[in-house]
PDB file of N, CA and C in Angstrom:
ATOM      1  N   MET A   1     -30.391  53.849  -3.950  1.00  0.00           N
ATOM      2  CA  MET A   1     -29.687  51.899  -3.424  1.00  0.00           C
ATOM      3  C   MET A   1     -28.675  51.883  -2.173  1.00  0.00           C
ATOM      4  N   PHE A   2     -28.432  50.893  -1.932  1.00  0.00           N
ATOM      5  CA  PHE A   2     -27.126  50.932  -0.949  1.00  0.00           C
ATOM      6  C   PHE A   2     -26.616  50.539  -1.290  1.00  0.00           C
ATOM      7  N   GLU A   3     -24.864  49.781  -0.676  1.00  0.00           N
ATOM      8  CA  GLU A   3     -24.462  49.187  -1.367  1.00  0.00           C
ATOM      9  C   GLU A   3     -23.794  47.982   0.595  1.00  0.00           C
ATOM     10  N   HIS A   4     -24.296  47.204   0.746  1.00  0.00           N
ATOM     11  CA  HIS A   4     -23.688  46.164   1.627  1.00  0.00           C
ATOM     12  C   HIS A   4     -22.198  45.875   1.256  1.00  0.00           C
ATOM     13  N   ARG A   5     -21.449  45.980   1.752  1.00  0.00           N
ATOM     14  CA  ARG A   5     -19.969  45.621   1.897  1.00  0.00           C
ATOM     15  C   ARG A   5     -19.340  44.434   3.034  1.00  0.00           C
ATOM     16  N   ARG A   6     -20.420  43.470   3.061  1.00  0.00           N
ATOM     17  CA  ARG A   6     -19.813  42.444   4.483  1.00  0.00           C
ATOM     18  C   ARG A   6     -20.456  41.260   4.441  1.00  0.00           C
ATOM     19  N   GLN A   7     -20.359  40.652   6.053  1.00  0.00           N
ATOM     20  CA  GLN A   7     -21.309  39.207   6.084  1.00  0.00           C
ATOM     21  C   GLN A   7     -22.714  38.820   5.649  1.00  0.00           C
ATOM     22  N   ALA A   8     -23.340  38.450   4.943  1.00  0.00           N
ATOM     23  CA  ALA A   8     -24.861  38.114   5.079  1.00  0.00           C
ATOM     24  C   ALA A   8     -25.400  38.566   6.686  1.00  0.00           C
ATOM     25  N   ARG A   9     -24.891  38.153   7.555  1.00  0.00           N
ATOM     26  CA  ARG A   9     -25.071  38.432   8.776  1.00  0.00           C
ATOM     27  C   ARG A   9     -25.100  39.345   9.601  1.00  0.00           C
ATOM     28  N   ASN A  10     -24.572  40.330   8.688  1.00  0.00           N
ATOM     29  CA  ASN A  10     -24.597  42.087   8.825  1.00  0.00           C
ATOM     30  C   ASN A  10     -25.118  42.653   8.547  1.00  0.00           C
ATOM     31  N   VAL A  11     -25.811  42.241   6.780  1.00  0.00           N
ATOM     32  CA  VAL A  11     -27.265  43.034   6.471  1.00  0.00           C
ATOM     33  C   VAL A  11     -27.780  43.718   7.751  1.00  0.00           C
ATOM     34  N   ASP A  12     -28.311  43.658   9.026  1.00  0.00           N
ATOM     35  CA  ASP A  12     -29.404  44.133   9.226  1.00  0.00           C
ATOM     36  C   ASP A  12     -29.089  45.560  10.113  1.00  0.00           C
ATOM     37  N   GLN A  13     -27.082  45.759  10.205  1.00  0.00           N
ATOM     38  CA  GLN A  13     -26.979  46.948   9.601  1.00  0.00           C
ATOM     39  C   GLN A  13     -26.931  48.013   9.388  1.00  0.00           C
ATOM     40  N   THR A  14     -26.903  47.136   8.172  1.00  0.00           N
ATOM     41  CA  THR A  14     -27.108  48.768   6.760  1.00  0.00           C
ATOM     42  C   THR A  14     -28.471  48.966   6.724  1.00  0.00           C
ATOM     43  N   VAL A  15     -30.011  47.760   6.693  1.00  0.00           N
ATOM     44  CA  VAL A  15     -30.618  48.512   7.173  1.00  0.00           C
ATOM     45  C   VAL A  15     -31.397  48.761   7.883  1.00  0.00           C
ATOM     46  N   ASN A  16     -30.599  48.822   9.219  1.00  0.00           N
ATOM     47  CA  ASN A  16     -30.478  49.832  10.291  1.00  0.00           C
ATOM     48  C   ASN A  16     -30.343  51.360   9.847  1.00  0.00           C
ATOM     49  N   TYR A  17     -29.274  50.680   8.975  1.00  0.00           N
ATOM     50  CA  TYR A  17     -28.252  52.798   8.891  1.00  0.00           C
ATOM     51  C   TYR A  17     -29.605  52.869   7.365  1.00  0.00           C
ATOM     52  N   ILE A  18     -30.117  52.497   6.910  1.00  0.00           N
ATOM     53  CA  ILE A  18     -30.519  53.295   5.906  1.00  0.00           C
ATOM     54  C   ILE A  18     -32.037  53.865   6.591  1.00  0.00           C
ATOM     55  N   TYR A  19     -32.893  53.001   7.260  1.00  0.00           N
ATOM     56  CA  TYR A  19     -34.061  53.294   8.631  1.00  0.00           C
ATOM     57  C   TYR A  19     -34.235  54.849   9.208  1.00  0.00           C
ATOM     58  N   GLY A  20     -32.901  53.864   9.758  1.00  0.00           N
ATOM     59  CA  GLY A  20     -32.669  54.583  11.104  1.00  0.00           C
ATOM     60  C   GLY A  20     -32.782  55.784  11.198  1.00  0.00           C
ATOM     61  N   THR A  21     -30.820  56.456   9.808  1.00  0.00           N
ATOM     62  CA  THR A  21     -31.070  57.194  10.468  1.00  0.00           C
ATOM     63  C   THR A  21     -30.575  57.964   8.802  1.00  0.00           C
ATOM     64  N   TRP A  22     -30.465  57.259   7.597  1.00  0.00           N
ATOM     65  CA  TRP A  22     -30.511  58.202   6.446  1.00  0.00           C
ATOM     66  C   TRP A  22     -31.906  58.517   6.011  1.00  0.00           C
ATOM     67  N   LEU A  23     -32.933  57.233   5.595  1.00  0.00           N
ATOM     68  CA  LEU A  23     -34.339  58.102   5.902  1.00  0.00           C
ATOM     69  C   LEU A  23     -34.577  58.845   6.680  1.00  0.00           C
ATOM     70  N   ALA A  24     -34.709  58.036   8.076  1.00  0.00           N
ATOM     71  CA  ALA A  24     -35.338  59.619   8.932  1.00  0.00           C
ATOM     72  C   ALA A  24     -34.566  60.957   9.215  1.00  0.00           C
ATOM     73  N   THR A  25     -33.392  61.544   7.940  1.00  0.00           N
ATOM     74  CA  THR A  25     -33.676  62.750   8.088  1.00  0.00           C
ATOM     75  C   THR A  25     -32.949  63.528   6.376  1.00  0.00           C
ATOM     76  N   SER A  26     -33.779  62.554   5.746  1.00  0.00           N
ATOM     77  CA  SER A  26     -32.892  62.263   4.514  1.00  0.00           C
ATOM     78  C   SER A  26     -34.285  63.746   3.893  1.00  0.00           C
ATOM     79  N   PRO A  27     -34.180  64.016   2.399  1.00  0.00           N
ATOM     80  CA  PRO A  27     -35.448  64.717   2.003  1.00  0.00           C
ATOM     81  C   PRO A  27     -37.481  63.509   1.301  1.00  0.00           C
ATOM     82  N   TRP A  28     -36.805  62.193   1.920  1.00  0.00           N
ATOM     83  CA  TRP A  28     -37.391  61.117   0.964  1.00  0.00           C
ATOM     84  C   TRP A  28     -38.234  61.090   2.161  1.00  0.00           C
ATOM     85  N   ARG A  29     -39.074  59.928   1.490  1.00  0.00           N
ATOM     86  CA  ARG A  29     -40.204  58.679   2.453  1.00  0.00           C
ATOM     87  C   ARG A  29     -40.581  57.798   1.795  1.00  0.00           C
ATOM     88  N   HIS A  30     -40.753  56.112   2.346  1.00  0.00           N
ATOM     89  CA  HIS A  30     -40.635  55.016   2.286  1.00  0.00           C
ATOM     90  C   HIS A  30     -41.964  54.830   1.276  1.00  0.00           C
ATOM     91  N   THR A  31     -42.482  54.753  -0.017  1.00  0.00           N
ATOM     92  CA  THR A  31     -43.283  53.684   0.575  1.00  0.00           C
ATOM     93  C   THR A  31     -43.953  52.789  -0.270  1.00  0.00           C
ATOM     94  N   PHE A  32     -43.691  51.844   0.897  1.00  0.00           N
ATOM     95  CA  PHE A  32     -43.959  51.307   2.104  1.00  0.00           C
ATOM     96  C   PHE A  32     -44.393  49.945   0.263  1.00  0.00           C
ATOM     97  N   GLY A  33     -43.971  50.103  -0.656  1.00  0.00           N
ATOM     98  CA  GLY A  33     -43.433  48.876  -2.182  1.00  0.00           C
ATOM     99  C   GLY A  33     -42.460  48.257  -1.152  1.00  0.00           C
ATOM    100  N   ALA A  34     -42.527  47.079  -2.066  1.00  0.00           N
ATOM    101  CA  ALA A  34     -41.048  46.192  -1.309  1.00  0.00           C
ATOM    102  C   ALA A  34     -39.319  46.673  -1.210  1.00  0.00           C
ATOM    103  N   ASP A  35     -38.614  46.272  -0.891  1.00  0.00           N
ATOM    104  CA  ASP A  35     -37.615  45.982  -0.709  1.00  0.00           C
ATOM    105  C   ASP A  35     -36.861  45.123  -1.543  1.00  0.00           C
ATOM    106  N   LEU A  36     -35.963  45.412  -1.850  1.00  0.00           N
ATOM    107  CA  LEU A  36     -34.584  44.420  -2.993  1.00  0.00           C
ATOM    108  C   LEU A  36     -33.932  44.526  -2.361  1.00  0.00           C
ATOM    109  N   GLU A  37     -33.284  42.888  -2.216  1.00  0.00           N
ATOM    110  CA  GLU A  37     -31.824  42.586  -2.123  1.00  0.00           C
ATOM    111  C   GLU A  37     -31.428  42.178  -3.277  1.00  0.00           C
ATOM    112  N   ILE A  38     -30.221  42.926  -3.756  1.00  0.00           N
ATOM    113  CA  ILE A  38     -30.279  42.418  -4.784  1.00  0.00           C
ATOM    114  C   ILE A  38     -28.142  41.816  -5.057  1.00  0.00           C
ATOM    115  N   SER A  39     -27.997  40.957  -5.526  1.00  0.00           N
ATOM    116  CA  SER A  39     -26.534  39.439  -5.233  1.00  0.00           C
ATOM    117  C   SER A  39     -26.669  40.245  -6.047  1.00  0.00           C
ATOM    118  N   GLY A  40     -25.417  39.692  -7.279  1.00  0.00           N
ATOM    119  CA  GLY A  40     -24.406  39.340  -8.085  1.00  0.00           C
ATOM    120  C   GLY A  40     -23.468  38.225  -7.841  1.00  0.00           C
ATOM    121  N   ASP A  41     -22.694  38.496  -9.097  1.00  0.00           N
ATOM    122  CA  ASP A  41     -21.196  37.285  -8.399  1.00  0.00           C
ATOM    123  C   ASP A  41     -20.626  37.847  -8.101  1.00  0.00           C
ATOM    124  N   ARG A  42     -20.247  38.717  -7.070  1.00  0.00           N
ATOM    125  CA  ARG A  42     -19.882  40.054  -5.824  1.00  0.00           C
ATOM    126  C   ARG A  42     -20.184  39.401  -4.243  1.00  0.00           C
ATOM    127  N   TRP A  43     -21.217  38.423  -4.860  1.00  0.00           N
ATOM    128  CA  TRP A  43     -22.013  38.393  -2.771  1.00  0.00           C
ATOM    129  C   TRP A  43     -21.558  36.290  -2.480  1.00  0.00           C
ATOM    130  N   HIS A  44     -20.927  36.654  -1.414  1.00  0.00           N
ATOM    131  CA  HIS A  44     -20.425  35.066  -1.169  1.00  0.00           C
ATOM    132  C   HIS A  44     -21.413  35.527   0.080  1.00  0.00           C
ATOM    133  N   ALA A  45     -22.015  34.677   0.844  1.00  0.00           N
ATOM    134  CA  ALA A  45     -22.814  34.674   2.045  1.00  0.00           C
ATOM    135  C   ALA A  45     -21.466  35.186   3.356  1.00  0.00           C
ATOM    136  N   THR A  46     -20.889  33.940   3.137  1.00  0.00           N
ATOM    137  CA  THR A  46     -19.758  34.449   4.092  1.00  0.00           C
ATOM    138  C   THR A  46     -18.163  34.808   4.033  1.00  0.00           C
ATOM    139  N   SER A  47     -18.197  35.828   2.790  1.00  0.00           N
ATOM    140  CA  SER A  47     -17.058  35.831   2.672  1.00  0.00           C
ATOM    141  C   SER A  47     -17.563  37.949   3.518  1.00  0.00           C
ATOM    142  N   ALA A  48     -15.991  38.409   3.977  1.00  0.00           N
ATOM    143  CA  ALA A  48     -15.679  39.395   4.523  1.00  0.00           C
ATOM    144  C   ALA A  48     -15.728  40.881   3.819  1.00  0.00           C
ATOM    145  N   ASP A  49     -15.188  40.291   2.316  1.00  0.00           N
ATOM    146  CA  ASP A  49     -15.104  41.241   0.921  1.00  0.00           C
ATOM    147  C   ASP A  49     -16.919  41.030   0.169  1.00  0.00           C
ATOM    148  N   SER A  50     -17.381  41.064   0.825  1.00  0.00           N
ATOM    149  CA  SER A  50     -19.343  39.957  -0.175  1.00  0.00           C
ATOM    150  C   SER A  50     -19.645  41.071  -0.195  1.00  0.00           C
ATOM    151  N   VAL A  51     -20.228  41.697  -1.806  1.00  0.00           N
ATOM    152  CA  VAL A  51     -21.140  42.621  -1.869  1.00  0.00           C
ATOM    153  C   VAL A  51     -22.240  42.543  -2.383  1.00  0.00           C
ATOM    154  N   MET A  52     -23.160  42.999  -1.494  1.00  0.00           N
ATOM    155  CA  MET A  52     -24.406  42.802  -2.062  1.00  0.00           C
ATOM    156  C   MET A  52     -25.137  44.293  -1.926  1.00  0.00           C
ATOM    157  N   HIS A  53     -26.768  44.455  -2.866  1.00  0.00           N
ATOM    158  CA  HIS A  53     -26.943  45.488  -3.011  1.00  0.00           C
ATOM    159  C   HIS A  53     -28.763  45.820  -2.621  1.00  0.00           C
ATOM    160  N   TYR A  54     -28.741  47.332  -1.742  1.00  0.00           N
ATOM    161  CA  TYR A  54     -30.034  47.179  -0.668  1.00  0.00           C
ATOM    162  C   TYR A  54     -31.144  48.360  -1.706  1.00  0.00           C
ATOM    163  N   ALA A  55     -32.229  47.941  -2.412  1.00  0.00           N
ATOM    164  CA  ALA A  55     -32.511  49.158  -2.503  1.00  0.00           C
ATOM    165  C   ALA A  55     -34.122  49.145  -1.778  1.00  0.00           C
ATOM    166  N   SER A  56     -34.609  50.373  -1.811  1.00  0.00           N
ATOM    167  CA  SER A  56     -35.681  50.519  -0.970  1.00  0.00           C
ATOM    168  C   SER A  56     -36.338  51.598  -1.489  1.00  0.00           C
ATOM    169  N   PRO A  57     -38.057  52.328  -1.932  1.00  0.00           N
ATOM    170  CA  PRO A  57     -38.776  52.714  -3.201  1.00  0.00           C
ATOM    171  C   PRO A  57     -38.682  53.711  -2.535  1.00  0.00           C
ATOM    172  N   VAL A  58     -38.429  54.600  -2.486  1.00  0.00           N
ATOM    173  CA  VAL A  58     -38.712  56.504  -2.334  1.00  0.00           C
ATOM    174  C   VAL A  58     -39.368  57.236  -3.226  1.00  0.00           C
ATOM    175  N   VAL A  59     -39.730  57.701  -2.128  1.00  0.00           N
ATOM    176  CA  VAL A  59     -40.458  59.479  -3.739  1.00  0.00           C
ATOM    177  C   VAL A  59     -39.686  60.333  -2.489  1.00  0.00           C
ATOM    178  N   PRO A  60     -40.117  61.997  -2.837  1.00  0.00           N
ATOM    179  CA  PRO A  60     -40.059  62.777  -2.539  1.00  0.00           C
ATOM    180  C   PRO A  60     -41.308  63.158  -0.875  1.00  0.00           C
ATOM    181  N   ALA A  61     -40.176  62.695   0.007  1.00  0.00           N
ATOM    182  CA  ALA A  61     -41.417  63.701   0.925  1.00  0.00           C
ATOM    183  C   ALA A  61     -42.463  65.412   0.630  1.00  0.00           C
TER     184      ALA A  61
END
């Protein structure tokens, strides 16, 4: 699970890191299941201090 700490409009940067950097060089592979964006009481879409979590289903490669 990854933590995104920025405004909602920047979530693509976090997703690009997950798929373009982390997953590409990790010993994991995506299951092609659904990714989850998990927001809680610290999520405020327009706040630079906003926090949400992004989960991608992975298994060992």
